[in-house]
């Protein structure tokens, strides 16, 4: 007769297996993590800046003298009204 295995035992055994695999491969993660952080910063920071700039009136002469001003969605309205 085969030993009985409860479903609850099978479900509990998957969580420790994840942590065991994580500990086993921690050196690999240590090498990959800095690269992922750099790539995240290189992609996320410019994206954030573009979104912020899109809500401002950005004229180079005004930016150098008094800074850019917040205009909200006016840039997007102007783009949608432009026939080209």
C-alpha atoms as a PDB file:
ATOM      1  CA  UNK A   1       0.000   0.000   0.000  1.00  0.00           C
ATOM      2  CA  UNK A   2       1.288   3.500  -0.908  1.00  0.00           C
ATOM      3  CA  UNK A   3       1.797   6.142   1.771  1.00  0.00           C
ATOM      4  CA  UNK A   4      -0.920   8.737   1.878  1.00  0.00           C
ATOM      5  CA  UNK A   5       0.054  12.307   1.030  1.00  0.00           C
ATOM      6  CA  UNK A   6      -2.238  15.070   2.087  1.00  0.00           C
ATOM      7  CA  UNK A   7      -2.865  18.038  -0.206  1.00  0.00           C
ATOM      8  CA  UNK A   8      -1.983  20.441   2.590  1.00  0.00           C
ATOM      9  CA  UNK A   9       1.486  18.881   2.838  1.00  0.00           C
ATOM     10  CA  UNK A  10       2.071  19.379  -0.885  1.00  0.00           C
ATOM     11  CA  UNK A  11       1.006  23.020  -0.727  1.00  0.00           C
ATOM     12  CA  UNK A  12       3.266  23.779   2.217  1.00  0.00           C
ATOM     13  CA  UNK A  13       6.298  22.204   0.618  1.00  0.00           C
ATOM     14  CA  UNK A  14       6.310  24.645  -2.349  1.00  0.00           C
ATOM     15  CA  UNK A  15       7.067  27.750  -0.260  1.00  0.00           C
ATOM     16  CA  UNK A  16      10.258  26.415   1.349  1.00  0.00           C
ATOM     17  CA  UNK A  17      11.408  25.148  -2.059  1.00  0.00           C
ATOM     18  CA  UNK A  18      11.334  28.727  -3.335  1.00  0.00           C
ATOM     19  CA  UNK A  19      13.526  29.936  -0.476  1.00  0.00           C
ATOM     20  CA  UNK A  20      15.906  27.015  -0.917  1.00  0.00           C
ATOM     21  CA  UNK A  21      16.295  27.840  -4.616  1.00  0.00           C
ATOM     22  CA  UNK A  22      16.774  31.511  -3.758  1.00  0.00           C
ATOM     23  CA  UNK A  23      19.527  30.726  -1.270  1.00  0.00           C
ATOM     24  CA  UNK A  24      21.145  28.308  -3.701  1.00  0.00           C
ATOM     25  CA  UNK A  25      21.334  30.944  -6.465  1.00  0.00           C
ATOM     26  CA  UNK A  26      22.103  34.001  -4.330  1.00  0.00           C
ATOM     27  CA  UNK A  27      25.512  34.556  -5.949  1.00  0.00           C
ATOM     28  CA  UNK A  28      23.878  34.740  -9.369  1.00  0.00           C
ATOM     29  CA  UNK A  29      21.305  37.208  -8.049  1.00  0.00           C
ATOM     30  CA  UNK A  30      24.094  39.264  -6.481  1.00  0.00           C
ATOM     31  CA  UNK A  31      25.701  39.665  -9.912  1.00  0.00           C
ATOM     32  CA  UNK A  32      22.446  40.439 -11.740  1.00  0.00           C
ATOM     33  CA  UNK A  33      20.878  42.813  -9.197  1.00  0.00           C
ATOM     34  CA  UNK A  34      23.227  45.808  -9.736  1.00  0.00           C
ATOM     35  CA  UNK A  35      22.658  45.620 -13.488  1.00  0.00           C
ATOM     36  CA  UNK A  36      18.897  45.531 -12.997  1.00  0.00           C
ATOM     37  CA  UNK A  37      19.079  48.548 -10.687  1.00  0.00           C
ATOM     38  CA  UNK A  38      21.118  50.546 -13.220  1.00  0.00           C
ATOM     39  CA  UNK A  39      18.800  49.626 -16.090  1.00  0.00           C
ATOM     40  CA  UNK A  40      15.797  50.547 -13.958  1.00  0.00           C
ATOM     41  CA  UNK A  41      17.259  53.958 -13.167  1.00  0.00           C
ATOM     42  CA  UNK A  42      18.277  54.591 -16.775  1.00  0.00           C
ATOM     43  CA  UNK A  43      14.755  53.794 -18.002  1.00  0.00           C
ATOM     44  CA  UNK A  44      12.506  55.019 -15.179  1.00  0.00           C
ATOM     45  CA  UNK A  45      14.144  58.391 -14.430  1.00  0.00           C
ATOM     46  CA  UNK A  46      13.953  59.760 -18.009  1.00  0.00           C
ATOM     47  CA  UNK A  47      10.385  58.494 -18.333  1.00  0.00           C
ATOM     48  CA  UNK A  48       9.439  60.326 -15.138  1.00  0.00           C
ATOM     49  CA  UNK A  49      11.133  63.524 -16.370  1.00  0.00           C
ATOM     50  CA  UNK A  50       9.313  63.373 -19.722  1.00  0.00           C
ATOM     51  CA  UNK A  51       5.958  63.084 -17.982  1.00  0.00           C
ATOM     52  CA  UNK A  52       6.757  66.047 -15.710  1.00  0.00           C
ATOM     53  CA  UNK A  53       7.997  68.156 -18.641  1.00  0.00           C
ATOM     54  CA  UNK A  54       4.894  67.379 -20.700  1.00  0.00           C
ATOM     55  CA  UNK A  55       2.765  69.271 -18.166  1.00  0.00           C
ATOM     56  CA  UNK A  56       4.922  72.425 -18.357  1.00  0.00           C
ATOM     57  CA  UNK A  57       5.404  75.254 -20.821  1.00  0.00           C
ATOM     58  CA  UNK A  58       8.952  74.594 -21.905  1.00  0.00           C
ATOM     59  CA  UNK A  59      10.537  77.450 -23.808  1.00  0.00           C
ATOM     60  CA  UNK A  60      14.333  77.467 -23.583  1.00  0.00           C
ATOM     61  CA  UNK A  61      14.552  81.249 -23.180  1.00  0.00           C
ATOM     62  CA  UNK A  62      11.950  81.251 -20.402  1.00  0.00           C
ATOM     63  CA  UNK A  63      13.551  78.275 -18.665  1.00  0.00           C
ATOM     64  CA  UNK A  64      16.928  80.033 -18.546  1.00  0.00           C
ATOM     65  CA  UNK A  65      15.483  83.293 -17.218  1.00  0.00           C
ATOM     66  CA  UNK A  66      12.533  82.451 -14.972  1.00  0.00           C
ATOM     67  CA  UNK A  67      11.904  78.704 -15.161  1.00  0.00           C
ATOM     68  CA  UNK A  68       9.145  76.710 -16.768  1.00  0.00           C
ATOM     69  CA  UNK A  69       5.531  77.161 -15.760  1.00  0.00           C
ATOM     70  CA  UNK A  70       2.939  74.471 -15.101  1.00  0.00           C
ATOM     71  CA  UNK A  71       0.157  74.464 -17.708  1.00  0.00           C
ATOM     72  CA  UNK A  72      -1.516  71.118 -17.078  1.00  0.00           C
ATOM     73  CA  UNK A  73      -3.073  69.351 -20.047  1.00  0.00           C
ATOM     74  CA  UNK A  74      -2.807  72.334 -22.415  1.00  0.00           C
ATOM     75  CA  UNK A  75       0.048  70.723 -24.362  1.00  0.00           C
ATOM     76  CA  UNK A  76      -2.082  67.643 -25.002  1.00  0.00           C
ATOM     77  CA  UNK A  77      -5.112  69.742 -26.022  1.00  0.00           C
ATOM     78  CA  UNK A  78      -2.918  71.655 -28.474  1.00  0.00           C
ATOM     79  CA  UNK A  79      -1.631  68.401 -29.988  1.00  0.00           C
ATOM     80  CA  UNK A  80      -5.152  67.025 -30.419  1.00  0.00           C
ATOM     81  CA  UNK A  81      -6.408  70.256 -32.048  1.00  0.00           C
ATOM     82  CA  UNK A  82      -3.491  70.420 -34.516  1.00  0.00           C
ATOM     83  CA  UNK A  83      -4.637  69.049 -37.920  1.00  0.00           C
ATOM     84  CA  UNK A  84      -1.167  67.813 -38.853  1.00  0.00           C
END
